[in-house]
N, C-alpha and C. Protein backbone atom coordinates (compact mmCIF):
# COMPACT_ATOMS: atom_id res chain seq x y z
N MET A 1 -16.37 16.80 -1.63
CA MET A 1 -15.36 15.84 -1.84
C MET A 1 -15.44 14.95 -0.32
N GLY A 2 -15.31 13.73 -0.42
CA GLY A 2 -14.43 13.20 0.76
C GLY A 2 -13.96 11.82 0.66
N ALA A 3 -12.99 11.51 1.39
CA ALA A 3 -12.45 10.20 1.17
C ALA A 3 -13.38 9.33 1.83
N PHE A 4 -13.12 7.93 1.59
CA PHE A 4 -13.82 6.71 2.34
C PHE A 4 -12.99 5.73 2.36
N ALA A 5 -13.27 4.78 3.71
CA ALA A 5 -11.92 4.02 3.88
C ALA A 5 -12.65 2.64 4.31
N ILE A 6 -12.50 1.94 3.83
CA ILE A 6 -12.79 0.28 4.61
C ILE A 6 -11.46 -0.13 5.19
N ILE A 7 -11.88 -0.74 6.81
CA ILE A 7 -10.98 -1.46 7.44
C ILE A 7 -11.53 -2.50 8.08
N PRO A 8 -10.89 -3.61 8.12
CA PRO A 8 -11.13 -4.91 8.65
C PRO A 8 -11.85 -4.46 10.45
N ALA A 9 -13.11 -5.00 10.89
CA ALA A 9 -13.29 -4.81 11.76
C ALA A 9 -13.22 -6.11 12.88
N ALA A 10 -12.09 -6.63 12.73
CA ALA A 10 -11.80 -7.94 13.33
C ALA A 10 -11.21 -7.60 14.56
N PRO A 11 -11.39 -7.64 15.84
CA PRO A 11 -10.41 -6.83 17.15
C PRO A 11 -9.69 -7.30 17.22
N VAL A 12 -9.14 -8.78 16.47
CA VAL A 12 -7.73 -9.55 16.52
C VAL A 12 -6.86 -9.00 15.69
N LEU A 13 -7.26 -7.96 14.87
CA LEU A 13 -5.59 -7.09 14.36
C LEU A 13 -5.59 -5.57 15.42
N LEU A 14 -6.35 -5.61 16.57
CA LEU A 14 -5.49 -4.81 17.43
C LEU A 14 -4.66 -5.15 17.90
N GLU A 15 -3.93 -3.92 18.79
CA GLU A 15 -2.89 -4.46 19.02
C GLU A 15 -2.49 -4.72 20.66
N ASN A 16 -1.92 -5.74 21.21
CA ASN A 16 -1.51 -6.37 21.89
C ASN A 16 -3.25 -7.55 22.35
N ILE A 17 -3.75 -7.82 21.37
CA ILE A 17 -4.81 -8.98 21.36
C ILE A 17 -4.67 -10.00 21.47
N ASP A 18 -3.78 -10.51 20.47
CA ASP A 18 -3.15 -11.94 19.99
C ASP A 18 -1.54 -12.02 20.71
N ARG A 19 -1.18 -12.53 21.57
CA ARG A 19 -0.09 -12.35 22.42
C ARG A 19 0.90 -13.53 21.33
N SER A 20 0.44 -14.09 20.88
CA SER A 20 1.19 -15.48 19.74
C SER A 20 0.72 -14.81 18.46
N GLU A 21 0.45 -13.51 18.10
CA GLU A 21 0.41 -13.09 16.36
C GLU A 21 2.07 -13.12 15.79
N THR A 22 1.47 -13.74 14.55
CA THR A 22 2.78 -13.91 13.51
C THR A 22 3.21 -12.56 13.18
N ALA A 23 4.13 -12.30 12.25
CA ALA A 23 4.59 -11.31 12.06
C ALA A 23 3.38 -10.63 10.93
N ARG A 24 3.27 -11.70 10.18
CA ARG A 24 2.08 -11.26 9.29
C ARG A 24 1.05 -10.37 9.52
N MET A 25 0.07 -10.56 10.77
CA MET A 25 -0.47 -10.39 11.65
C MET A 25 -0.18 -8.79 12.16
N ALA A 26 0.93 -8.76 12.37
CA ALA A 26 1.45 -7.39 12.66
C ALA A 26 1.26 -6.58 11.37
N GLU A 27 2.09 -6.63 10.61
CA GLU A 27 2.07 -6.15 8.90
C GLU A 27 0.22 -5.86 8.71
N LEU A 28 -0.24 -6.60 8.90
CA LEU A 28 -2.13 -6.40 8.28
C LEU A 28 -2.48 -5.10 9.64
N ARG A 29 -2.14 -5.43 10.29
CA ARG A 29 -2.47 -4.28 11.49
C ARG A 29 -2.00 -3.09 11.10
N THR A 30 -0.24 -2.83 11.25
CA THR A 30 0.01 -1.67 10.04
C THR A 30 -0.57 -1.14 9.17
N ALA A 31 -1.02 -2.23 7.90
CA ALA A 31 -1.97 -1.80 7.37
C ALA A 31 -3.06 -0.57 7.10
N ALA A 32 -3.57 -1.72 8.34
CA ALA A 32 -4.82 -0.92 8.62
C ALA A 32 -4.89 0.53 9.29
N ARG A 33 -4.16 0.58 10.15
CA ARG A 33 -3.63 1.69 10.88
C ARG A 33 -2.82 3.08 10.09
N ASP A 34 -2.19 2.50 9.23
CA ASP A 34 -1.97 3.26 7.80
C ASP A 34 -3.01 4.20 7.08
N THR A 35 -3.75 3.31 6.68
CA THR A 35 -5.42 3.18 5.83
C THR A 35 -5.58 4.43 6.68
N VAL A 36 -5.93 4.49 8.28
CA VAL A 36 -6.84 5.45 8.52
C VAL A 36 -5.70 6.87 8.64
N SER A 37 -4.51 6.31 8.96
CA SER A 37 -4.03 7.56 8.37
C SER A 37 -3.98 8.46 7.32
N THR A 38 -4.24 8.15 6.77
CA THR A 38 -4.28 8.62 5.25
C THR A 38 -4.85 10.19 5.08
N GLN A 39 -6.10 10.52 6.24
CA GLN A 39 -6.60 11.31 6.82
C GLN A 39 -6.34 11.95 8.41
N THR A 40 -6.82 13.11 8.72
CA THR A 40 -6.37 13.34 9.78
C THR A 40 -7.69 13.63 10.83
N ASP A 41 -9.13 13.46 10.23
CA ASP A 41 -10.02 13.00 10.93
C ASP A 41 -11.23 11.95 9.84
N TRP A 42 -11.67 11.46 10.53
CA TRP A 42 -12.93 10.61 10.18
C TRP A 42 -14.20 10.85 10.72
N ALA A 43 -15.63 10.48 10.22
CA ALA A 43 -17.02 10.31 10.21
C ALA A 43 -16.95 8.85 10.81
N LEU A 44 -17.54 8.68 11.66
CA LEU A 44 -18.80 6.90 11.54
C LEU A 44 -20.03 7.58 11.14
N PRO A 45 -20.20 6.53 10.39
CA PRO A 45 -22.07 6.91 10.27
C PRO A 45 -22.92 6.42 11.09
N ILE A 46 -22.87 7.22 12.59
CA ILE A 46 -23.62 7.09 13.36
C ILE A 46 -24.19 8.15 14.07
N GLU A 47 -24.83 8.51 14.45
CA GLU A 47 -25.47 9.65 15.06
C GLU A 47 -24.31 10.63 16.11
N THR A 48 -24.03 9.37 16.98
CA THR A 48 -23.41 10.02 18.26
C THR A 48 -22.51 9.04 18.68
N LEU A 49 -20.86 9.13 18.71
CA LEU A 49 -20.06 8.06 19.44
C LEU A 49 -20.62 7.58 20.96
N PRO A 50 -20.74 6.74 21.30
CA PRO A 50 -21.00 6.04 22.81
C PRO A 50 -19.45 6.79 23.53
N PRO A 51 -19.94 7.24 24.95
CA PRO A 51 -18.71 7.61 25.52
C PRO A 51 -17.97 7.24 26.01
N VAL A 52 -18.11 6.08 26.35
CA VAL A 52 -16.57 4.35 26.20
C VAL A 52 -16.61 3.66 24.52
N ALA A 53 -15.97 3.52 24.19
CA ALA A 53 -16.13 2.12 23.01
C ALA A 53 -14.90 1.33 23.89
N GLY A 54 -14.87 0.45 24.24
CA GLY A 54 -13.72 -1.12 24.45
C GLY A 54 -14.40 -1.87 24.29
N LEU A 55 -13.35 -3.28 24.26
CA LEU A 55 -13.29 -4.36 24.47
C LEU A 55 -13.73 -5.46 25.63
N GLY A 56 -14.54 -4.87 26.95
CA GLY A 56 -14.94 -5.61 27.13
C GLY A 56 -15.68 -6.65 27.10
N GLY A 57 -16.60 -6.63 25.67
CA GLY A 57 -17.36 -7.32 25.11
C GLY A 57 -17.03 -8.59 24.83
N TRP A 58 -15.15 -8.40 25.09
CA TRP A 58 -14.53 -9.89 24.64
C TRP A 58 -13.71 -10.00 25.82
N GLY A 59 -14.14 -9.81 26.82
CA GLY A 59 -13.45 -10.16 27.81
C GLY A 59 -12.04 -9.56 28.33
N ILE A 60 -11.91 -8.00 27.62
CA ILE A 60 -10.63 -7.17 27.57
C ILE A 60 -10.94 -6.11 28.40
N ASP A 61 -10.16 -5.80 29.03
CA ASP A 61 -10.64 -4.27 29.97
C ASP A 61 -9.30 -3.26 29.87
N ARG A 62 -9.74 -3.26 28.30
CA ARG A 62 -9.02 -1.74 27.78
C ARG A 62 -10.22 -1.18 26.64
N GLY A 63 -9.83 0.67 26.77
CA GLY A 63 -10.50 0.61 25.98
C GLY A 63 -10.69 2.48 26.10
N VAL A 64 -11.66 3.21 24.67
CA VAL A 64 -11.16 4.38 24.81
C VAL A 64 -12.37 5.29 25.56
N ASP A 65 -11.88 6.32 26.31
CA ASP A 65 -13.09 7.12 26.91
C ASP A 65 -13.43 8.08 25.60
N THR A 66 -14.36 8.58 24.98
CA THR A 66 -14.71 9.28 23.89
C THR A 66 -15.07 10.47 23.58
N ARG A 67 -15.33 11.04 25.20
CA ARG A 67 -15.27 12.09 25.73
C ARG A 67 -14.16 13.21 26.25
N THR A 68 -12.63 12.15 26.34
CA THR A 68 -11.91 12.94 26.91
C THR A 68 -10.88 12.61 25.98
N GLY A 69 -10.77 11.55 24.77
CA GLY A 69 -9.84 10.51 23.72
C GLY A 69 -8.79 9.83 24.57
N ARG A 70 -9.11 9.52 26.00
CA ARG A 70 -7.94 8.74 26.88
C ARG A 70 -7.83 7.22 26.65
N LEU A 71 -7.52 6.78 26.30
CA LEU A 71 -6.69 5.38 26.26
C LEU A 71 -6.86 4.63 27.71
N LEU A 72 -7.95 3.62 28.20
CA LEU A 72 -8.02 3.22 29.56
C LEU A 72 -7.49 1.89 29.74
N SER A 73 -6.79 1.14 30.44
CA SER A 73 -6.94 -0.55 30.68
C SER A 73 -6.95 -0.45 32.00
N GLY A 74 -7.11 -1.59 32.11
CA GLY A 74 -7.07 -2.05 34.06
C GLY A 74 -8.17 -1.58 34.64
N THR A 75 -7.81 -1.59 35.60
CA THR A 75 -8.86 -0.99 36.89
C THR A 75 -9.19 0.89 36.73
N ASP A 76 -8.47 1.32 35.63
CA ASP A 76 -9.02 2.82 34.83
C ASP A 76 -10.25 2.63 34.36
N TRP A 77 -9.99 1.27 33.33
CA TRP A 77 -10.75 1.27 32.47
C TRP A 77 -12.26 0.51 33.12
N VAL A 78 -12.49 -0.14 34.03
CA VAL A 78 -13.38 -0.76 35.11
C VAL A 78 -13.82 -0.14 35.84
N ASP A 79 -13.29 0.90 36.26
CA ASP A 79 -13.57 2.31 37.01
C ASP A 79 -14.78 3.40 36.42
N THR A 80 -13.82 3.48 34.96
CA THR A 80 -14.61 4.55 33.91
C THR A 80 -15.81 3.82 33.94
N VAL A 81 -16.04 3.02 33.25
CA VAL A 81 -17.23 1.72 32.86
C VAL A 81 -18.34 1.99 33.98
N ASP A 82 -17.88 1.87 35.48
CA ASP A 82 -18.48 1.85 36.66
C ASP A 82 -18.97 3.56 36.96
N THR A 83 -18.51 4.02 36.50
CA THR A 83 -18.93 5.84 36.62
C THR A 83 -20.44 6.08 36.03
N LEU A 84 -20.49 5.34 34.48
CA LEU A 84 -21.81 5.59 33.54
C LEU A 84 -22.76 5.92 33.77
N THR A 85 -23.41 6.63 33.76
CA THR A 85 -24.78 6.84 34.21
C THR A 85 -25.74 5.32 33.34
N MET A 86 -27.13 5.62 33.47
CA MET A 86 -27.46 4.29 32.82
C MET A 86 -28.20 4.89 31.23
N ASP A 87 -28.14 6.24 31.32
CA ASP A 87 -28.19 6.39 29.52
C ASP A 87 -26.75 6.09 28.67
N GLU A 88 -25.83 6.67 29.63
CA GLU A 88 -24.16 6.44 28.93
C GLU A 88 -24.20 5.07 28.64
N ARG A 89 -24.77 4.15 29.57
CA ARG A 89 -24.31 2.71 29.65
C ARG A 89 -25.25 2.00 28.55
N ARG A 90 -26.46 2.55 28.13
CA ARG A 90 -27.38 1.93 27.28
C ARG A 90 -25.76 2.45 25.81
N LEU A 91 -25.67 3.76 25.42
CA LEU A 91 -25.26 4.32 24.30
C LEU A 91 -24.05 3.46 24.41
N ALA A 92 -23.23 3.09 25.16
CA ALA A 92 -22.01 2.24 25.03
C ALA A 92 -22.53 0.67 24.84
N GLU A 93 -23.51 -0.04 25.56
CA GLU A 93 -23.80 -1.11 24.87
C GLU A 93 -24.65 -1.74 23.83
N ALA A 94 -24.35 -0.17 23.09
CA ALA A 94 -25.10 -0.45 21.94
C ALA A 94 -24.70 -0.48 20.78
N ALA A 95 -23.18 0.10 20.94
CA ALA A 95 -22.47 0.77 20.06
C ALA A 95 -22.36 -1.06 19.66
N ASP A 96 -22.16 -0.81 17.85
CA ASP A 96 -21.71 -2.14 17.30
C ASP A 96 -20.44 -2.33 17.38
N PRO A 97 -19.92 -3.47 17.57
CA PRO A 97 -18.57 -3.96 17.61
C PRO A 97 -17.84 -3.49 16.71
N ALA A 98 -18.05 -3.12 15.16
CA ALA A 98 -17.28 -2.61 14.48
C ALA A 98 -17.46 -1.00 14.59
N VAL A 99 -18.08 -0.31 15.20
CA VAL A 99 -17.81 1.13 15.45
C VAL A 99 -16.32 0.90 16.59
N ILE A 100 -16.82 0.16 17.83
CA ILE A 100 -15.34 0.10 18.78
C ILE A 100 -14.52 0.14 17.97
N VAL A 101 -14.40 -1.43 16.98
CA VAL A 101 -12.98 -1.39 16.81
C VAL A 101 -12.59 -0.14 15.51
N ALA A 102 -13.21 0.69 15.17
CA ALA A 102 -12.67 1.74 14.46
C ALA A 102 -12.05 2.58 15.04
N ILE A 103 -13.47 2.72 16.36
CA ILE A 103 -12.72 3.84 17.32
C ILE A 103 -10.83 3.42 17.81
N LEU A 104 -10.83 2.51 18.41
CA LEU A 104 -9.47 1.78 18.75
C LEU A 104 -8.57 1.97 17.79
N HIS A 105 -8.45 1.74 16.16
CA HIS A 105 -7.55 1.65 15.17
C HIS A 105 -7.31 3.42 15.27
N ALA A 106 -8.33 4.14 15.30
CA ALA A 106 -8.63 5.82 15.30
C ALA A 106 -7.84 6.28 16.01
N HIS A 107 -7.86 5.56 17.33
CA HIS A 107 -7.16 6.21 18.67
C HIS A 107 -5.69 5.98 18.17
N ALA A 108 -5.21 4.51 17.86
CA ALA A 108 -3.90 4.15 17.94
C ALA A 108 -3.53 4.88 16.80
N ALA A 109 -4.05 5.20 15.30
CA ALA A 109 -3.16 5.76 14.48
C ALA A 109 -3.15 7.37 14.84
N GLY A 110 -3.58 7.76 16.08
CA GLY A 110 -3.36 9.26 16.00
C GLY A 110 -4.72 10.24 15.66
N VAL A 111 -5.25 9.64 14.95
CA VAL A 111 -6.32 10.90 14.13
C VAL A 111 -7.93 11.09 14.99
N ASP A 112 -8.55 11.85 14.56
CA ASP A 112 -9.74 12.36 15.20
C ASP A 112 -11.02 11.17 14.49
N ILE A 113 -12.17 11.24 15.48
CA ILE A 113 -12.78 10.49 14.65
C ILE A 113 -14.08 10.73 15.58
N GLY A 114 -15.51 11.04 14.52
CA GLY A 114 -16.64 11.12 15.30
C GLY A 114 -17.55 11.00 14.80
N PRO A 115 -19.25 11.60 14.69
CA PRO A 115 -20.00 10.91 14.68
C PRO A 115 -20.54 11.62 13.20
N LEU A 116 -21.31 11.58 12.62
CA LEU A 116 -21.80 12.48 11.53
C LEU A 116 -21.81 14.06 11.42
N GLY A 117 -21.24 13.96 10.21
CA GLY A 117 -21.16 15.70 10.66
C GLY A 117 -19.39 16.32 10.68
N SER A 118 -18.70 15.44 11.54
CA SER A 118 -17.87 15.52 12.55
C SER A 118 -16.33 16.00 10.96
N SER A 119 -16.81 15.05 9.88
CA SER A 119 -15.65 15.00 8.92
C SER A 119 -16.44 14.47 7.93
N GLU A 120 -15.80 15.16 6.59
CA GLU A 120 -16.47 15.02 5.33
C GLU A 120 -16.24 13.72 4.92
N HIS A 121 -15.02 12.92 5.72
CA HIS A 121 -14.38 11.55 5.47
C HIS A 121 -14.97 10.48 6.06
N LEU A 122 -15.51 9.54 5.53
CA LEU A 122 -16.16 8.22 6.07
C LEU A 122 -15.55 7.30 6.59
N LEU A 123 -15.35 6.36 7.66
CA LEU A 123 -14.39 5.33 8.15
C LEU A 123 -15.63 4.54 8.16
N LEU A 124 -15.87 3.18 7.64
CA LEU A 124 -16.12 2.18 7.42
C LEU A 124 -15.53 0.89 7.69
N PRO A 125 -15.39 0.34 8.66
CA PRO A 125 -15.00 -1.14 9.01
C PRO A 125 -16.14 -2.22 8.84
N ILE A 126 -15.88 -3.42 8.40
CA ILE A 126 -16.18 -4.20 7.70
C ILE A 126 -15.60 -5.86 8.73
N ASP A 127 -16.78 -6.80 8.71
CA ASP A 127 -16.16 -8.07 9.04
C ASP A 127 -16.93 -8.63 7.81
N LEU A 128 -16.33 -9.68 7.14
CA LEU A 128 -16.84 -9.94 5.95
C LEU A 128 -17.14 -11.67 6.51
N SER A 129 -17.89 -12.68 6.15
CA SER A 129 -17.91 -13.84 6.68
C SER A 129 -17.21 -15.15 7.26
N GLY A 130 -17.70 -14.92 8.71
CA GLY A 130 -17.24 -15.87 9.18
C GLY A 130 -17.14 -17.25 9.38
N ALA A 131 -18.01 -17.81 8.42
CA ALA A 131 -18.70 -19.15 7.96
C ALA A 131 -18.12 -19.62 6.23
N ALA A 132 -17.06 -18.99 6.07
CA ALA A 132 -16.90 -19.14 4.63
C ALA A 132 -16.28 -19.77 4.23
N THR A 133 -15.44 -20.94 5.05
CA THR A 133 -14.73 -21.77 5.32
C THR A 133 -14.71 -23.28 6.17
N GLU A 134 -14.13 -23.99 6.13
CA GLU A 134 -14.35 -25.39 6.88
C GLU A 134 -13.87 -25.25 8.65
N ASP A 135 -12.67 -24.26 8.34
CA ASP A 135 -11.96 -24.00 9.12
C ASP A 135 -12.16 -22.24 10.17
N ALA A 136 -13.24 -22.14 9.48
CA ALA A 136 -14.14 -20.60 9.33
C ALA A 136 -14.19 -21.01 11.14
N PRO A 137 -14.04 -19.62 11.84
CA PRO A 137 -14.79 -19.63 12.89
C PRO A 137 -16.14 -20.15 13.38
N LEU A 138 -16.84 -19.93 12.46
CA LEU A 138 -18.28 -20.52 12.58
C LEU A 138 -18.29 -21.59 11.52
N ALA A 139 -19.56 -22.69 12.17
CA ALA A 139 -19.51 -23.66 10.91
C ALA A 139 -20.55 -22.97 9.33
N PRO A 140 -19.51 -23.69 8.61
CA PRO A 140 -19.57 -23.18 7.14
C PRO A 140 -21.12 -22.59 6.96
N ILE A 141 -21.37 -22.12 6.05
CA ILE A 141 -23.12 -21.70 5.94
C ILE A 141 -23.30 -21.52 3.99
N ASP A 142 -23.62 -22.08 3.37
CA ASP A 142 -23.56 -22.45 1.94
C ASP A 142 -24.10 -20.94 1.12
N GLY A 143 -23.39 -20.44 0.23
CA GLY A 143 -22.89 -19.13 -0.46
C GLY A 143 -22.08 -18.66 0.38
N ALA A 144 -21.62 -18.86 1.31
CA ALA A 144 -20.65 -17.34 2.32
C ALA A 144 -19.69 -17.08 1.32
N PRO A 145 -18.62 -18.41 0.97
CA PRO A 145 -17.17 -17.78 -0.25
C PRO A 145 -18.32 -16.94 -1.13
N GLU A 146 -18.91 -17.06 -1.88
CA GLU A 146 -20.00 -16.00 -3.40
C GLU A 146 -20.19 -14.95 -2.55
N PHE A 147 -20.44 -15.15 -1.26
CA PHE A 147 -20.92 -13.98 -1.23
C PHE A 147 -19.95 -12.54 -0.77
N ASP A 148 -19.02 -13.01 0.16
CA ASP A 148 -17.70 -12.67 -0.04
C ASP A 148 -17.22 -12.09 -1.27
N HIS A 149 -17.14 -12.95 -1.94
CA HIS A 149 -16.56 -12.08 -3.04
C HIS A 149 -16.88 -11.22 -4.23
N ALA A 150 -18.30 -11.93 -4.38
CA ALA A 150 -19.31 -10.52 -4.42
C ALA A 150 -19.24 -9.19 -3.69
N VAL A 151 -18.84 -9.06 -2.61
CA VAL A 151 -18.86 -8.10 -2.01
C VAL A 151 -17.70 -6.86 -2.53
N ILE A 152 -16.58 -7.80 -2.84
CA ILE A 152 -14.96 -7.39 -2.95
C ILE A 152 -15.11 -7.18 -4.11
N GLU A 153 -16.19 -7.60 -5.30
CA GLU A 153 -15.89 -7.27 -6.76
C GLU A 153 -16.97 -6.42 -6.74
N THR A 154 -18.20 -5.70 -5.52
CA THR A 154 -18.87 -4.53 -5.89
C THR A 154 -18.09 -3.31 -5.55
N LEU A 155 -17.44 -3.78 -4.62
CA LEU A 155 -16.46 -2.74 -4.10
C LEU A 155 -14.97 -2.28 -5.09
N THR A 156 -14.91 -3.03 -5.96
CA THR A 156 -13.54 -2.82 -6.68
C THR A 156 -13.85 -2.44 -8.04
N SER A 157 -14.97 -3.31 -8.17
CA SER A 157 -14.78 -3.58 -10.15
C SER A 157 -15.50 -2.12 -10.85
N GLY A 158 -14.98 -1.80 -12.08
CA GLY A 158 -15.46 -0.26 -12.83
C GLY A 158 -14.79 1.11 -12.02
N THR A 159 -15.27 2.04 -12.21
CA THR A 159 -14.80 3.04 -11.78
C THR A 159 -15.80 3.57 -10.89
N SER A 160 -16.70 3.23 -10.22
CA SER A 160 -17.48 3.91 -9.63
C SER A 160 -18.74 2.62 -8.55
N ILE A 161 -18.32 2.70 -7.77
CA ILE A 161 -19.45 1.28 -7.14
C ILE A 161 -20.77 0.98 -7.46
N ASP A 162 -21.16 0.24 -7.34
CA ASP A 162 -22.85 0.37 -8.01
C ASP A 162 -23.68 -0.14 -6.62
N THR A 163 -23.61 1.18 -5.77
CA THR A 163 -24.09 1.07 -4.19
C THR A 163 -25.72 0.34 -4.29
N GLU A 164 -26.50 0.69 -5.84
CA GLU A 164 -27.77 -0.67 -5.44
C GLU A 164 -27.44 -2.20 -5.25
N ARG A 165 -26.48 -2.57 -6.07
CA ARG A 165 -26.17 -3.76 -5.58
C ARG A 165 -25.40 -3.98 -3.96
N LEU A 166 -24.69 -3.18 -3.40
CA LEU A 166 -23.61 -3.66 -2.44
C LEU A 166 -24.94 -3.41 -1.42
N LEU A 167 -26.00 -2.41 -1.41
CA LEU A 167 -26.59 -2.80 -0.32
C LEU A 167 -28.12 -3.87 -0.30
N ASP A 168 -27.99 -4.38 -1.51
CA ASP A 168 -28.56 -5.62 -1.49
C ASP A 168 -27.64 -6.77 -0.53
N LEU A 169 -26.18 -6.53 -0.89
CA LEU A 169 -25.71 -7.95 -0.46
C LEU A 169 -25.68 -7.02 1.00
N CYS A 170 -25.33 -5.78 1.75
CA CYS A 170 -25.56 -5.62 2.83
C CYS A 170 -26.63 -6.26 3.79
N ASP A 171 -27.93 -6.30 2.81
CA ASP A 171 -29.17 -6.78 3.61
C ASP A 171 -29.35 -8.35 3.87
N GLN A 172 -28.12 -8.76 3.10
CA GLN A 172 -27.82 -10.19 3.20
C GLN A 172 -27.17 -10.58 4.28
N ALA A 173 -26.15 -9.59 4.35
CA ALA A 173 -25.27 -10.03 5.42
C ALA A 173 -25.01 -10.80 6.88
N GLU A 174 -26.36 -10.30 7.60
CA GLU A 174 -26.71 -11.69 8.87
C GLU A 174 -26.49 -12.63 8.10
N THR A 175 -27.43 -13.17 7.70
CA THR A 175 -27.44 -14.42 7.12
C THR A 175 -26.16 -15.27 6.88
N MET A 176 -25.23 -15.09 6.25
CA MET A 176 -23.80 -15.18 6.05
C MET A 176 -23.01 -14.84 7.01
N ALA A 177 -23.56 -14.46 8.10
CA ALA A 177 -22.92 -14.84 9.07
C ALA A 177 -21.32 -13.35 9.35
N ALA A 178 -21.66 -12.35 8.41
CA ALA A 178 -21.58 -11.11 7.99
C ALA A 178 -21.47 -9.96 8.63
N ASN A 179 -20.83 -8.61 9.08
CA ASN A 179 -21.27 -7.64 9.76
C ASN A 179 -20.97 -6.56 8.66
N LEU A 180 -22.00 -6.02 7.42
CA LEU A 180 -21.91 -4.80 6.86
C LEU A 180 -22.52 -3.83 7.35
N SER A 181 -23.10 -4.06 8.52
CA SER A 181 -24.30 -2.77 9.26
C SER A 181 -23.30 -1.07 9.06
N VAL A 182 -22.34 -1.57 9.09
CA VAL A 182 -21.65 0.29 9.49
C VAL A 182 -20.96 0.62 7.94
N LEU A 183 -21.36 -0.10 6.93
CA LEU A 183 -20.95 0.16 5.44
C LEU A 183 -22.38 0.31 4.98
N ALA A 184 -23.03 -0.40 5.52
CA ALA A 184 -24.60 -0.06 4.75
C ALA A 184 -25.12 1.47 5.07
N ALA A 185 -24.64 1.57 6.13
CA ALA A 185 -25.15 3.13 6.81
C ALA A 185 -24.52 4.26 6.36
N GLY A 186 -23.48 4.07 6.17
CA GLY A 186 -22.29 5.10 5.47
C GLY A 186 -22.81 5.30 4.22
N ILE A 187 -23.19 4.00 3.54
CA ILE A 187 -23.30 4.13 1.64
C ILE A 187 -24.99 4.90 1.50
N ARG A 188 -25.87 4.16 2.54
CA ARG A 188 -27.32 5.47 2.47
C ARG A 188 -26.83 6.78 3.06
N HIS A 189 -26.05 6.87 4.06
CA HIS A 189 -26.10 8.30 4.39
C HIS A 189 -25.62 9.41 2.67
N ALA A 190 -24.74 8.82 2.08
CA ALA A 190 -24.26 9.53 0.77
C ALA A 190 -25.02 9.61 0.04
N VAL A 191 -25.31 7.94 -0.09
CA VAL A 191 -26.32 8.15 -1.66
C VAL A 191 -27.59 8.38 -1.03
N ASP A 192 -28.09 9.03 0.13
CA ASP A 192 -29.36 10.02 0.29
C ASP A 192 -29.05 11.74 -0.33
N GLN A 193 -27.87 11.81 0.06
CA GLN A 193 -27.51 13.00 -1.12
C GLN A 193 -26.91 13.06 -2.09
N GLY A 194 -27.27 11.89 -2.73
CA GLY A 194 -26.99 11.91 -4.50
C GLY A 194 -25.70 11.53 -4.63
N ALA A 195 -25.18 11.42 -3.53
CA ALA A 195 -23.47 11.21 -3.97
C ALA A 195 -23.26 10.18 -4.89
N ARG A 196 -22.08 9.70 -4.78
CA ARG A 196 -21.87 8.56 -5.62
C ARG A 196 -20.09 8.42 -5.30
N PHE A 197 -19.65 7.14 -5.31
CA PHE A 197 -18.14 6.52 -4.76
C PHE A 197 -17.84 6.02 -5.48
N SER A 198 -16.49 6.32 -6.02
CA SER A 198 -15.49 6.04 -6.68
C SER A 198 -15.26 4.04 -6.19
N SER A 199 -14.90 3.08 -7.04
CA SER A 199 -14.71 2.32 -6.89
C SER A 199 -13.01 1.98 -5.85
N LEU A 200 -13.18 1.05 -4.90
CA LEU A 200 -12.39 1.10 -3.80
C LEU A 200 -10.85 0.62 -4.39
N GLU A 201 -9.54 1.43 -3.59
CA GLU A 201 -8.32 0.75 -4.22
C GLU A 201 -7.77 -0.09 -3.24
N PRO A 202 -7.45 -1.61 -3.45
CA PRO A 202 -7.59 -2.38 -2.38
C PRO A 202 -6.14 -2.16 -1.55
N ILE A 203 -6.00 -2.25 -0.72
CA ILE A 203 -4.78 -2.43 0.19
C ILE A 203 -4.21 -3.81 0.87
N VAL A 204 -5.32 -4.66 1.39
CA VAL A 204 -5.24 -5.54 1.62
C VAL A 204 -6.37 -6.43 1.49
N ASP A 205 -5.95 -7.79 1.11
CA ASP A 205 -7.22 -8.74 0.54
C ASP A 205 -6.64 -10.16 1.03
N GLU A 206 -6.69 -10.94 2.24
CA GLU A 206 -6.54 -12.13 2.43
C GLU A 206 -6.97 -12.46 3.48
N ARG A 207 -6.66 -13.80 3.83
CA ARG A 207 -7.42 -14.26 4.98
C ARG A 207 -6.67 -14.09 6.15
N VAL A 208 -7.64 -13.74 7.64
CA VAL A 208 -7.11 -13.61 9.12
C VAL A 208 -7.86 -14.60 9.56
N HIS A 209 -7.32 -15.81 10.38
CA HIS A 209 -8.09 -16.74 11.00
C HIS A 209 -9.40 -17.48 9.90
N GLU A 210 -9.04 -17.47 8.95
CA GLU A 210 -9.62 -18.04 7.60
C GLU A 210 -11.06 -17.03 7.73
N VAL A 211 -10.90 -15.68 7.79
CA VAL A 211 -11.88 -14.84 7.84
C VAL A 211 -11.13 -13.98 6.48
N ARG A 212 -12.29 -13.84 5.41
CA ARG A 212 -11.57 -12.68 4.33
C ARG A 212 -11.28 -11.38 4.66
N THR A 213 -10.43 -10.59 5.16
CA THR A 213 -9.81 -9.66 5.56
C THR A 213 -9.54 -8.52 4.38
N PHE A 214 -10.68 -7.23 4.45
CA PHE A 214 -10.30 -6.47 3.14
C PHE A 214 -9.86 -5.04 3.63
N CYS A 215 -9.11 -4.51 3.06
CA CYS A 215 -8.95 -2.78 3.53
C CYS A 215 -8.67 -1.90 2.33
N GLY A 216 -9.12 -0.85 2.27
CA GLY A 216 -8.93 -0.35 1.00
C GLY A 216 -9.49 1.39 1.06
N THR A 217 -9.18 1.96 -0.17
CA THR A 217 -9.75 3.68 0.08
C THR A 217 -10.33 3.87 -1.35
N GLY A 218 -11.16 4.87 -1.22
CA GLY A 218 -11.81 5.62 -2.48
C GLY A 218 -11.95 6.99 -2.32
N LEU A 219 -13.04 7.80 -3.21
CA LEU A 219 -13.53 9.06 -3.15
C LEU A 219 -15.47 8.84 -3.11
N TRP A 220 -15.76 9.68 -2.26
CA TRP A 220 -16.86 9.90 -2.74
C TRP A 220 -17.49 11.34 -2.66
N GLU A 221 -18.52 11.47 -3.64
CA GLU A 221 -18.80 13.41 -3.94
C GLU A 221 -20.16 13.08 -4.52
């Protein structure tokens, strides 16, 4: 038996990203960090960690060297990226943005994080639809609000998660401007072992910059 946690994959909830963030945003970051801190170690549903996990894709020179556990910024980050081999660079560039955010949250919380097999506890970052309202980051998509509602309802209803329904929803995520790929990988990994998931206990469920943001914990066995 292990725990699993879902945290928001939005980089805006990382520290020192939004210089004008409200007090509520800081509280939401703390809630995500507290969720990660419920265990001393986590596994992401990936085969290997990227050698570096950072925010370069968002134009921010900051990240973690997963080989040493060091947080790097400014020229230290740039110099480390420059020393990557071609294979290391490919691994880093192929990392799902949700994986990068999860690694940074884990580092900030002071807990260990690794690939499958490194822990019995699964950390599953998600990004719900960025097109569910008129004021969301992307142009509205028909059905996106209902999609977000269905995902949260499936995660939290009853005593255990209907994993077949959840995976069906994950398959629709891209068309709804959501990123549930890490969630899907974690669910499939456990289901392939015959495991079941308890329903999630919500910790946060509200909008951040008009994107529904969800955080919670549960058990799988």
